[in-house]
Amino acid sequence: MVFMGACSRSETDKRYVPYTFNQNKLDSLVNLKIIILDEVKREDGTIEERRYYLGDSIKYILTYNKSAALLNVSKYEGAHEVWTENFFPNGQRMSRFTMYTDPETGESYYQGAYQSYYQTGWLKEEGYYKRDKPFWMLPYTENGLSSDTIFYEYQEAESNSTQPVEIP
C-alpha cells in the first residue's frame, strides 16, 4: 500500500484569486443617475482619474496610467478611505489594503488585513498592518506554497530623541 499526501484542491484554490475590477457596475449606476461621475483628464485628453459620488460624498476614486490602464481603486465611506487596491497593467489586482482614517487628524493609513498578488492571480503574501507598519506577513510562492510567517516588532523612539532605536 502506498499513501500519498497532498493539499486538497480547495486549499490551493483559496490562494488562486484572479481578479480584475469591474468598472461596469459603477458606470451602470451613473447611467441610472444614482451616482455622479467626475473625470479628471490629462493635457493630452487621456483619463487620469474617475471619481464616483453619491450625493456630496465620494465613494470611489479610480486612477489610470497614460495608457488608460487602471492603476488604483480607493473606496470611501463619507470622507474616510476604507480600502485601496492596486493593479498590474494587465488588469489583475496587485494588492488590497484595508485603510483607516484618524477622526482627529483626518490622516489615512494602512490598518488591518492586506493581500498582495502575483500578476498571474496567485496570492503572493497576506498580512496585517497597524498604523502604516506591517505587523505580520505570510509569503507564498507563485504556485501557492506558503513560507514562514514573519512578525514585526517596533519600539517607539522617545519624542525628544533623534537617535535610532535598536530592538534587541
N, C-alpha and C. Protein backbone atom coordinates (compact mmCIF):
# COMPACT_ATOMS: atom_id res chain seq x y z
N MET A 1 0.83 -1.18 0.00
CA MET A 1 0.00 0.00 0.00
C MET A 1 0.87 1.25 0.00
N VAL A 2 0.47 2.22 -0.79
CA VAL A 2 1.20 3.48 -0.87
C VAL A 2 0.24 4.59 -0.48
N PHE A 3 0.66 5.42 0.48
CA PHE A 3 -0.15 6.57 0.88
C PHE A 3 0.53 7.82 0.37
N MET A 4 -0.27 8.68 -0.21
CA MET A 4 0.28 9.93 -0.71
C MET A 4 -0.48 11.08 -0.05
N GLY A 5 0.26 12.08 0.39
CA GLY A 5 -0.37 13.24 1.00
C GLY A 5 -0.22 14.44 0.09
N ALA A 6 -1.26 15.24 0.04
CA ALA A 6 -1.20 16.47 -0.78
C ALA A 6 -2.23 17.44 -0.25
N CYS A 7 -2.05 18.69 -0.59
CA CYS A 7 -3.04 19.70 -0.25
C CYS A 7 -4.30 19.43 -1.05
N SER A 8 -5.42 19.64 -0.42
CA SER A 8 -6.67 19.49 -1.15
C SER A 8 -6.81 20.61 -2.16
N ARG A 9 -7.59 20.38 -3.18
CA ARG A 9 -7.79 21.37 -4.23
C ARG A 9 -8.39 22.64 -3.65
N SER A 10 -9.30 22.52 -2.68
CA SER A 10 -9.92 23.71 -2.10
C SER A 10 -8.89 24.56 -1.35
N GLU A 11 -7.89 23.92 -0.76
CA GLU A 11 -6.84 24.66 -0.06
C GLU A 11 -6.02 25.47 -1.05
N THR A 12 -5.67 24.87 -2.19
CA THR A 12 -4.91 25.56 -3.20
C THR A 12 -5.74 26.66 -3.85
N ASP A 13 -7.00 26.39 -4.11
CA ASP A 13 -7.86 27.35 -4.78
C ASP A 13 -8.01 28.64 -4.00
N LYS A 14 -7.94 28.60 -2.69
CA LYS A 14 -8.07 29.81 -1.88
C LYS A 14 -6.94 30.80 -2.17
N ARG A 15 -5.82 30.28 -2.64
CA ARG A 15 -4.67 31.14 -2.91
C ARG A 15 -4.60 31.59 -4.36
N TYR A 16 -5.46 31.04 -5.20
CA TYR A 16 -5.51 31.47 -6.60
C TYR A 16 -6.72 32.38 -6.75
N VAL A 17 -6.46 33.68 -6.90
CA VAL A 17 -7.53 34.68 -6.86
C VAL A 17 -7.42 35.62 -8.05
N PRO A 18 -7.68 35.11 -9.27
CA PRO A 18 -7.65 36.05 -10.39
C PRO A 18 -8.79 37.05 -10.23
N TYR A 19 -8.49 38.33 -10.36
CA TYR A 19 -9.49 39.35 -10.10
C TYR A 19 -9.14 40.62 -10.86
N THR A 20 -10.11 41.15 -11.55
CA THR A 20 -9.99 42.47 -12.16
C THR A 20 -11.19 43.28 -11.67
N PHE A 21 -11.00 44.57 -11.51
CA PHE A 21 -12.06 45.43 -11.00
C PHE A 21 -13.13 45.63 -12.08
N ASN A 22 -14.39 45.43 -11.72
CA ASN A 22 -15.49 45.58 -12.67
C ASN A 22 -16.03 47.01 -12.61
N GLN A 23 -15.50 47.84 -13.47
CA GLN A 23 -15.90 49.24 -13.53
C GLN A 23 -17.31 49.40 -14.11
N ASN A 24 -17.79 48.40 -14.84
CA ASN A 24 -19.11 48.47 -15.47
C ASN A 24 -20.23 48.64 -14.44
N LYS A 25 -20.06 48.07 -13.25
CA LYS A 25 -21.08 48.22 -12.22
C LYS A 25 -21.23 49.69 -11.82
N LEU A 26 -20.11 50.37 -11.65
CA LEU A 26 -20.17 51.80 -11.31
C LEU A 26 -20.75 52.61 -12.46
N ASP A 27 -20.32 52.30 -13.68
CA ASP A 27 -20.83 53.04 -14.84
C ASP A 27 -22.32 52.83 -15.03
N SER A 28 -22.83 51.64 -14.70
CA SER A 28 -24.28 51.42 -14.83
C SER A 28 -25.05 52.28 -13.82
N LEU A 29 -24.48 52.50 -12.65
CA LEU A 29 -25.12 53.38 -11.67
C LEU A 29 -25.10 54.84 -12.13
N VAL A 30 -24.06 55.21 -12.88
CA VAL A 30 -24.00 56.55 -13.48
C VAL A 30 -25.11 56.68 -14.51
N ASN A 31 -25.26 55.66 -15.36
CA ASN A 31 -26.29 55.68 -16.40
C ASN A 31 -27.70 55.76 -15.80
N LEU A 32 -27.89 55.15 -14.63
CA LEU A 32 -29.19 55.21 -13.95
C LEU A 32 -29.35 56.49 -13.14
N LYS A 33 -28.33 57.33 -13.16
CA LYS A 33 -28.30 58.61 -12.44
C LYS A 33 -28.41 58.42 -10.91
N ILE A 34 -27.87 57.29 -10.43
CA ILE A 34 -27.84 57.03 -8.99
C ILE A 34 -26.58 57.64 -8.39
N ILE A 35 -25.48 57.59 -9.14
CA ILE A 35 -24.24 58.22 -8.70
C ILE A 35 -23.76 59.18 -9.79
N ILE A 36 -22.89 60.09 -9.40
CA ILE A 36 -22.36 61.11 -10.30
C ILE A 36 -20.90 60.80 -10.60
N LEU A 37 -20.50 60.95 -11.85
CA LEU A 37 -19.13 60.71 -12.29
C LEU A 37 -18.45 62.03 -12.60
N ASP A 38 -17.23 62.19 -12.06
CA ASP A 38 -16.40 63.35 -12.36
C ASP A 38 -15.07 62.81 -12.89
N GLU A 39 -14.68 63.21 -14.10
CA GLU A 39 -13.44 62.74 -14.69
C GLU A 39 -12.40 63.85 -14.71
N VAL A 40 -11.17 63.47 -14.36
CA VAL A 40 -10.02 64.38 -14.45
C VAL A 40 -9.17 63.87 -15.60
N LYS A 41 -8.89 64.76 -16.56
CA LYS A 41 -8.13 64.35 -17.74
C LYS A 41 -6.77 65.05 -17.78
N ARG A 42 -5.82 64.37 -18.41
CA ARG A 42 -4.50 64.95 -18.63
C ARG A 42 -4.58 65.95 -19.80
N GLU A 43 -3.49 66.67 -20.01
CA GLU A 43 -3.45 67.64 -21.10
C GLU A 43 -3.66 66.99 -22.46
N ASP A 44 -3.25 65.71 -22.61
CA ASP A 44 -3.42 65.03 -23.89
C ASP A 44 -4.82 64.43 -24.06
N GLY A 45 -5.69 64.62 -23.06
CA GLY A 45 -7.07 64.14 -23.15
C GLY A 45 -7.33 62.77 -22.56
N THR A 46 -6.26 62.07 -22.15
CA THR A 46 -6.47 60.75 -21.54
C THR A 46 -6.98 60.91 -20.10
N ILE A 47 -7.74 59.94 -19.67
CA ILE A 47 -8.32 60.00 -18.32
C ILE A 47 -7.24 59.68 -17.28
N GLU A 48 -7.10 60.55 -16.31
CA GLU A 48 -6.16 60.36 -15.21
C GLU A 48 -6.88 59.77 -13.99
N GLU A 49 -8.12 60.26 -13.78
CA GLU A 49 -8.84 59.85 -12.57
C GLU A 49 -10.35 59.93 -12.83
N ARG A 50 -11.07 58.97 -12.27
CA ARG A 50 -12.53 59.00 -12.30
C ARG A 50 -13.00 58.96 -10.85
N ARG A 51 -13.87 59.89 -10.50
CA ARG A 51 -14.41 59.98 -9.14
C ARG A 51 -15.91 59.74 -9.20
N TYR A 52 -16.38 58.81 -8.39
CA TYR A 52 -17.80 58.48 -8.34
C TYR A 52 -18.38 59.00 -7.02
N TYR A 53 -19.43 59.82 -7.13
CA TYR A 53 -20.06 60.45 -5.97
C TYR A 53 -21.48 59.92 -5.77
N LEU A 54 -21.87 59.78 -4.51
CA LEU A 54 -23.25 59.51 -4.13
C LEU A 54 -23.65 60.70 -3.28
N GLY A 55 -24.53 61.53 -3.81
CA GLY A 55 -24.83 62.79 -3.14
C GLY A 55 -23.59 63.66 -3.18
N ASP A 56 -23.18 64.20 -2.03
CA ASP A 56 -21.98 65.03 -1.99
C ASP A 56 -20.77 64.28 -1.44
N SER A 57 -20.90 62.96 -1.29
CA SER A 57 -19.80 62.15 -0.76
C SER A 57 -19.17 61.31 -1.86
N ILE A 58 -17.85 61.33 -1.89
CA ILE A 58 -17.13 60.50 -2.85
C ILE A 58 -17.19 59.05 -2.37
N LYS A 59 -17.41 58.12 -3.28
CA LYS A 59 -17.48 56.70 -2.94
C LYS A 59 -16.30 55.90 -3.48
N TYR A 60 -15.88 56.23 -4.71
CA TYR A 60 -14.75 55.54 -5.33
C TYR A 60 -13.91 56.54 -6.11
N ILE A 61 -12.58 56.32 -6.07
CA ILE A 61 -11.66 57.05 -6.95
C ILE A 61 -10.85 56.00 -7.70
N LEU A 62 -10.88 56.09 -9.03
CA LEU A 62 -10.13 55.20 -9.90
C LEU A 62 -9.05 56.02 -10.59
N THR A 63 -7.80 55.56 -10.52
CA THR A 63 -6.67 56.27 -11.12
C THR A 63 -6.11 55.41 -12.25
N TYR A 64 -5.73 56.08 -13.37
CA TYR A 64 -5.27 55.39 -14.57
C TYR A 64 -3.88 55.88 -14.98
N ASN A 65 -3.13 55.00 -15.68
CA ASN A 65 -1.85 55.44 -16.23
C ASN A 65 -2.10 56.08 -17.60
N LYS A 66 -1.04 56.55 -18.26
CA LYS A 66 -1.18 57.25 -19.54
C LYS A 66 -1.68 56.34 -20.66
N SER A 67 -1.57 55.03 -20.47
CA SER A 67 -2.07 54.07 -21.46
C SER A 67 -3.51 53.66 -21.19
N ALA A 68 -4.16 54.33 -20.25
CA ALA A 68 -5.56 54.08 -19.86
C ALA A 68 -5.75 52.79 -19.07
N ALA A 69 -4.67 52.19 -18.54
CA ALA A 69 -4.80 51.01 -17.70
C ALA A 69 -5.08 51.46 -16.26
N LEU A 70 -5.95 50.75 -15.59
CA LEU A 70 -6.31 51.06 -14.20
C LEU A 70 -5.11 50.81 -13.29
N LEU A 71 -4.76 51.81 -12.48
CA LEU A 71 -3.65 51.67 -11.53
C LEU A 71 -4.13 51.41 -10.12
N ASN A 72 -5.20 52.12 -9.72
CA ASN A 72 -5.59 52.13 -8.31
C ASN A 72 -7.09 52.38 -8.19
N VAL A 73 -7.72 51.71 -7.21
CA VAL A 73 -9.12 51.97 -6.85
C VAL A 73 -9.14 52.17 -5.34
N SER A 74 -9.77 53.26 -4.90
CA SER A 74 -9.95 53.51 -3.47
C SER A 74 -11.43 53.66 -3.19
N LYS A 75 -11.90 53.01 -2.12
CA LYS A 75 -13.30 53.10 -1.71
C LYS A 75 -13.40 53.95 -0.46
N TYR A 76 -14.43 54.80 -0.42
CA TYR A 76 -14.64 55.71 0.70
C TYR A 76 -16.01 55.51 1.32
N GLU A 77 -16.08 55.75 2.61
CA GLU A 77 -17.35 55.86 3.34
C GLU A 77 -17.30 57.23 3.99
N GLY A 78 -18.14 58.13 3.50
CA GLY A 78 -18.03 59.52 3.93
C GLY A 78 -16.69 60.05 3.43
N ALA A 79 -15.95 60.71 4.31
CA ALA A 79 -14.63 61.23 3.93
C ALA A 79 -13.51 60.25 4.24
N HIS A 80 -13.85 59.04 4.69
CA HIS A 80 -12.85 58.08 5.14
C HIS A 80 -12.57 57.01 4.10
N GLU A 81 -11.29 56.83 3.80
CA GLU A 81 -10.87 55.78 2.88
C GLU A 81 -10.97 54.44 3.61
N VAL A 82 -11.68 53.48 3.00
CA VAL A 82 -11.93 52.18 3.63
C VAL A 82 -10.94 51.13 3.15
N TRP A 83 -10.70 51.09 1.86
CA TRP A 83 -9.70 50.18 1.29
C TRP A 83 -9.17 50.77 -0.01
N THR A 84 -8.01 50.24 -0.40
CA THR A 84 -7.41 50.63 -1.67
C THR A 84 -6.86 49.38 -2.34
N GLU A 85 -7.02 49.31 -3.67
CA GLU A 85 -6.50 48.20 -4.46
C GLU A 85 -5.60 48.78 -5.55
N ASN A 86 -4.50 48.08 -5.83
CA ASN A 86 -3.58 48.45 -6.89
C ASN A 86 -3.60 47.35 -7.94
N PHE A 87 -3.34 47.72 -9.21
CA PHE A 87 -3.48 46.78 -10.30
C PHE A 87 -2.26 46.75 -11.21
N PHE A 88 -1.98 45.57 -11.76
CA PHE A 88 -0.96 45.40 -12.78
C PHE A 88 -1.50 45.96 -14.10
N PRO A 89 -0.63 46.27 -15.09
CA PRO A 89 -1.11 46.77 -16.38
C PRO A 89 -2.08 45.82 -17.10
N ASN A 90 -2.00 44.51 -16.80
CA ASN A 90 -2.93 43.56 -17.44
C ASN A 90 -4.31 43.55 -16.77
N GLY A 91 -4.50 44.37 -15.73
CA GLY A 91 -5.79 44.46 -15.06
C GLY A 91 -5.90 43.61 -13.81
N GLN A 92 -5.00 42.65 -13.63
CA GLN A 92 -5.03 41.78 -12.45
C GLN A 92 -4.69 42.59 -11.20
N ARG A 93 -5.39 42.31 -10.12
CA ARG A 93 -5.13 43.01 -8.85
C ARG A 93 -3.73 42.68 -8.36
N MET A 94 -2.99 43.72 -7.94
CA MET A 94 -1.65 43.60 -7.40
C MET A 94 -1.70 43.51 -5.88
N SER A 95 -2.58 44.33 -5.26
CA SER A 95 -2.66 44.34 -3.80
C SER A 95 -3.98 44.95 -3.35
N ARG A 96 -4.33 44.64 -2.12
CA ARG A 96 -5.51 45.22 -1.48
C ARG A 96 -5.16 45.50 -0.03
N PHE A 97 -5.35 46.75 0.39
CA PHE A 97 -5.04 47.18 1.74
C PHE A 97 -6.29 47.75 2.40
N THR A 98 -6.51 47.36 3.65
CA THR A 98 -7.56 47.97 4.45
C THR A 98 -7.01 49.28 4.99
N MET A 99 -7.83 50.31 4.96
CA MET A 99 -7.39 51.64 5.38
C MET A 99 -8.16 52.10 6.60
N TYR A 100 -7.59 53.05 7.32
CA TYR A 100 -8.26 53.68 8.46
C TYR A 100 -7.96 55.18 8.40
N THR A 101 -8.98 55.97 8.67
CA THR A 101 -8.79 57.42 8.72
C THR A 101 -8.95 57.88 10.15
N ASP A 102 -7.92 58.52 10.68
CA ASP A 102 -7.94 59.04 12.05
C ASP A 102 -8.96 60.17 12.12
N PRO A 103 -10.00 60.04 12.97
CA PRO A 103 -11.03 61.09 13.03
C PRO A 103 -10.51 62.43 13.55
N GLU A 104 -9.42 62.42 14.32
CA GLU A 104 -8.88 63.67 14.86
C GLU A 104 -8.03 64.42 13.84
N THR A 105 -7.18 63.69 13.09
CA THR A 105 -6.26 64.35 12.17
C THR A 105 -6.73 64.29 10.71
N GLY A 106 -7.60 63.33 10.40
CA GLY A 106 -8.04 63.13 9.02
C GLY A 106 -7.03 62.35 8.19
N GLU A 107 -5.93 61.94 8.81
CA GLU A 107 -4.88 61.20 8.12
C GLU A 107 -5.34 59.76 7.88
N SER A 108 -5.09 59.27 6.66
CA SER A 108 -5.45 57.91 6.29
C SER A 108 -4.19 57.06 6.28
N TYR A 109 -4.29 55.84 6.82
CA TYR A 109 -3.13 54.96 6.82
C TYR A 109 -3.57 53.51 6.76
N TYR A 110 -2.60 52.63 6.42
CA TYR A 110 -2.87 51.20 6.36
C TYR A 110 -3.16 50.70 7.76
N GLN A 111 -4.29 50.00 7.90
CA GLN A 111 -4.67 49.45 9.21
C GLN A 111 -5.54 48.24 8.94
N GLY A 112 -5.04 47.08 9.26
CA GLY A 112 -5.83 45.86 9.08
C GLY A 112 -5.21 44.93 8.05
N ALA A 113 -6.05 44.03 7.58
CA ALA A 113 -5.59 42.98 6.67
C ALA A 113 -5.17 43.53 5.32
N TYR A 114 -4.21 42.85 4.69
CA TYR A 114 -3.82 43.17 3.32
C TYR A 114 -3.45 41.89 2.60
N GLN A 115 -3.53 41.94 1.28
CA GLN A 115 -3.10 40.84 0.43
C GLN A 115 -2.37 41.44 -0.76
N SER A 116 -1.34 40.73 -1.23
CA SER A 116 -0.71 41.12 -2.49
C SER A 116 -0.66 39.87 -3.37
N TYR A 117 -0.63 40.10 -4.69
CA TYR A 117 -0.80 39.01 -5.65
C TYR A 117 0.28 39.07 -6.72
N TYR A 118 0.57 37.90 -7.29
CA TYR A 118 1.39 37.83 -8.48
C TYR A 118 0.52 38.25 -9.67
N GLN A 119 1.14 38.63 -10.76
CA GLN A 119 0.41 39.07 -11.95
C GLN A 119 -0.47 37.96 -12.52
N THR A 120 -0.19 36.73 -12.16
CA THR A 120 -0.97 35.58 -12.62
C THR A 120 -2.24 35.36 -11.80
N GLY A 121 -2.38 36.05 -10.67
CA GLY A 121 -3.55 35.88 -9.82
C GLY A 121 -3.29 35.07 -8.56
N TRP A 122 -2.13 34.47 -8.44
CA TRP A 122 -1.80 33.72 -7.23
C TRP A 122 -1.49 34.68 -6.09
N LEU A 123 -1.91 34.33 -4.89
CA LEU A 123 -1.62 35.12 -3.70
C LEU A 123 -0.11 35.14 -3.46
N LYS A 124 0.46 36.33 -3.32
CA LYS A 124 1.90 36.49 -3.09
C LYS A 124 2.20 36.58 -1.61
N GLU A 125 1.39 37.35 -0.89
CA GLU A 125 1.54 37.44 0.56
C GLU A 125 0.26 38.00 1.15
N GLU A 126 0.06 37.69 2.40
CA GLU A 126 -1.03 38.28 3.15
C GLU A 126 -0.49 38.66 4.51
N GLY A 127 -1.14 39.61 5.13
CA GLY A 127 -0.64 40.06 6.41
C GLY A 127 -1.56 41.07 7.05
N TYR A 128 -0.98 41.83 7.97
CA TYR A 128 -1.76 42.77 8.76
C TYR A 128 -0.90 44.01 9.04
N TYR A 129 -1.50 45.17 8.90
CA TYR A 129 -0.84 46.44 9.19
C TYR A 129 -1.45 47.09 10.41
N LYS A 130 -0.62 47.79 11.18
CA LYS A 130 -1.08 48.65 12.28
C LYS A 130 -0.45 50.02 12.08
N ARG A 131 -1.26 51.02 11.89
CA ARG A 131 -0.82 52.41 11.70
C ARG A 131 0.35 52.52 10.70
N ASP A 132 0.12 52.03 9.49
CA ASP A 132 1.08 52.10 8.38
C ASP A 132 2.31 51.21 8.51
N LYS A 133 2.36 50.36 9.52
CA LYS A 133 3.51 49.49 9.69
C LYS A 133 3.06 48.04 9.63
N PRO A 134 3.82 47.19 8.91
CA PRO A 134 3.44 45.77 8.87
C PRO A 134 3.56 45.14 10.26
N PHE A 135 2.57 44.35 10.63
CA PHE A 135 2.56 43.66 11.92
C PHE A 135 2.98 42.20 11.74
N TRP A 136 2.41 41.54 10.74
CA TRP A 136 2.85 40.20 10.34
C TRP A 136 2.61 40.02 8.86
N MET A 137 3.33 39.03 8.27
CA MET A 137 3.23 38.78 6.84
C MET A 137 3.51 37.31 6.59
N LEU A 138 2.71 36.71 5.71
CA LEU A 138 2.90 35.31 5.31
C LEU A 138 3.11 35.28 3.80
N PRO A 139 4.34 35.00 3.33
CA PRO A 139 4.60 34.97 1.89
C PRO A 139 4.27 33.61 1.27
N TYR A 140 3.97 33.62 -0.04
CA TYR A 140 3.68 32.41 -0.80
C TYR A 140 4.52 32.40 -2.07
N THR A 141 4.83 31.20 -2.55
CA THR A 141 5.47 31.07 -3.85
C THR A 141 4.38 31.27 -4.91
N GLU A 142 4.79 31.44 -6.16
CA GLU A 142 3.80 31.69 -7.20
C GLU A 142 2.88 30.49 -7.45
N ASN A 143 3.30 29.29 -7.07
CA ASN A 143 2.41 28.14 -7.24
C ASN A 143 1.58 27.86 -5.99
N GLY A 144 1.62 28.77 -5.00
CA GLY A 144 0.71 28.67 -3.86
C GLY A 144 1.25 28.08 -2.58
N LEU A 145 2.54 27.72 -2.53
CA LEU A 145 3.10 27.16 -1.31
C LEU A 145 3.47 28.29 -0.35
N SER A 146 3.14 28.10 0.93
CA SER A 146 3.43 29.16 1.90
C SER A 146 4.80 28.96 2.53
N SER A 147 5.32 30.06 3.03
CA SER A 147 6.60 30.07 3.73
C SER A 147 6.31 30.31 5.21
N ASP A 148 7.31 30.75 5.97
CA ASP A 148 7.11 31.04 7.38
C ASP A 148 6.48 32.41 7.56
N THR A 149 5.65 32.53 8.58
CA THR A 149 5.05 33.82 8.92
C THR A 149 6.12 34.70 9.54
N ILE A 150 6.16 35.94 9.10
CA ILE A 150 7.13 36.92 9.62
C ILE A 150 6.38 37.89 10.51
N PHE A 151 6.86 38.06 11.74
CA PHE A 151 6.26 39.02 12.67
C PHE A 151 7.22 40.19 12.84
N TYR A 152 6.67 41.39 12.88
CA TYR A 152 7.46 42.61 13.03
C TYR A 152 7.25 43.16 14.42
N GLU A 153 8.32 43.70 14.98
CA GLU A 153 8.25 44.29 16.31
C GLU A 153 8.81 45.70 16.24
N TYR A 154 8.10 46.65 16.83
CA TYR A 154 8.52 48.05 16.79
C TYR A 154 8.61 48.58 18.21
N GLN A 155 9.51 49.52 18.38
CA GLN A 155 9.63 50.23 19.65
C GLN A 155 9.64 51.70 19.31
N GLU A 156 8.78 52.45 19.94
CA GLU A 156 8.68 53.88 19.67
C GLU A 156 9.88 54.61 20.27
N ALA A 157 10.44 55.53 19.52
CA ALA A 157 11.55 56.35 20.00
C ALA A 157 10.99 57.44 20.91
N GLU A 158 11.81 57.88 21.84
CA GLU A 158 11.39 58.99 22.69
C GLU A 158 11.16 60.21 21.82
N SER A 159 10.16 61.01 22.16
CA SER A 159 9.78 62.14 21.31
C SER A 159 10.90 63.18 21.17
N ASN A 160 11.81 63.29 22.15
CA ASN A 160 12.88 64.29 22.06
C ASN A 160 14.19 63.68 21.52
N SER A 161 14.15 62.40 21.15
CA SER A 161 15.35 61.72 20.68
C SER A 161 15.46 61.80 19.16
N THR A 162 16.68 62.01 18.67
CA THR A 162 16.93 61.99 17.23
C THR A 162 17.74 60.75 16.86
N GLN A 163 18.07 59.92 17.83
CA GLN A 163 18.85 58.73 17.61
C GLN A 163 17.95 57.55 17.25
N PRO A 164 18.41 56.67 16.34
CA PRO A 164 17.61 55.50 16.01
C PRO A 164 17.53 54.56 17.22
N VAL A 165 16.46 53.79 17.29
CA VAL A 165 16.26 52.85 18.40
C VAL A 165 16.49 51.44 17.85
N GLU A 166 17.35 50.69 18.55
CA GLU A 166 17.61 49.31 18.16
C GLU A 166 16.74 48.40 19.01
N ILE A 167 16.20 47.36 18.36
CA ILE A 167 15.41 46.37 19.06
C ILE A 167 16.29 45.15 19.26
N PRO A 168 16.45 44.70 20.50
CA PRO A 168 17.35 43.57 20.75
C PRO A 168 16.83 42.29 20.13
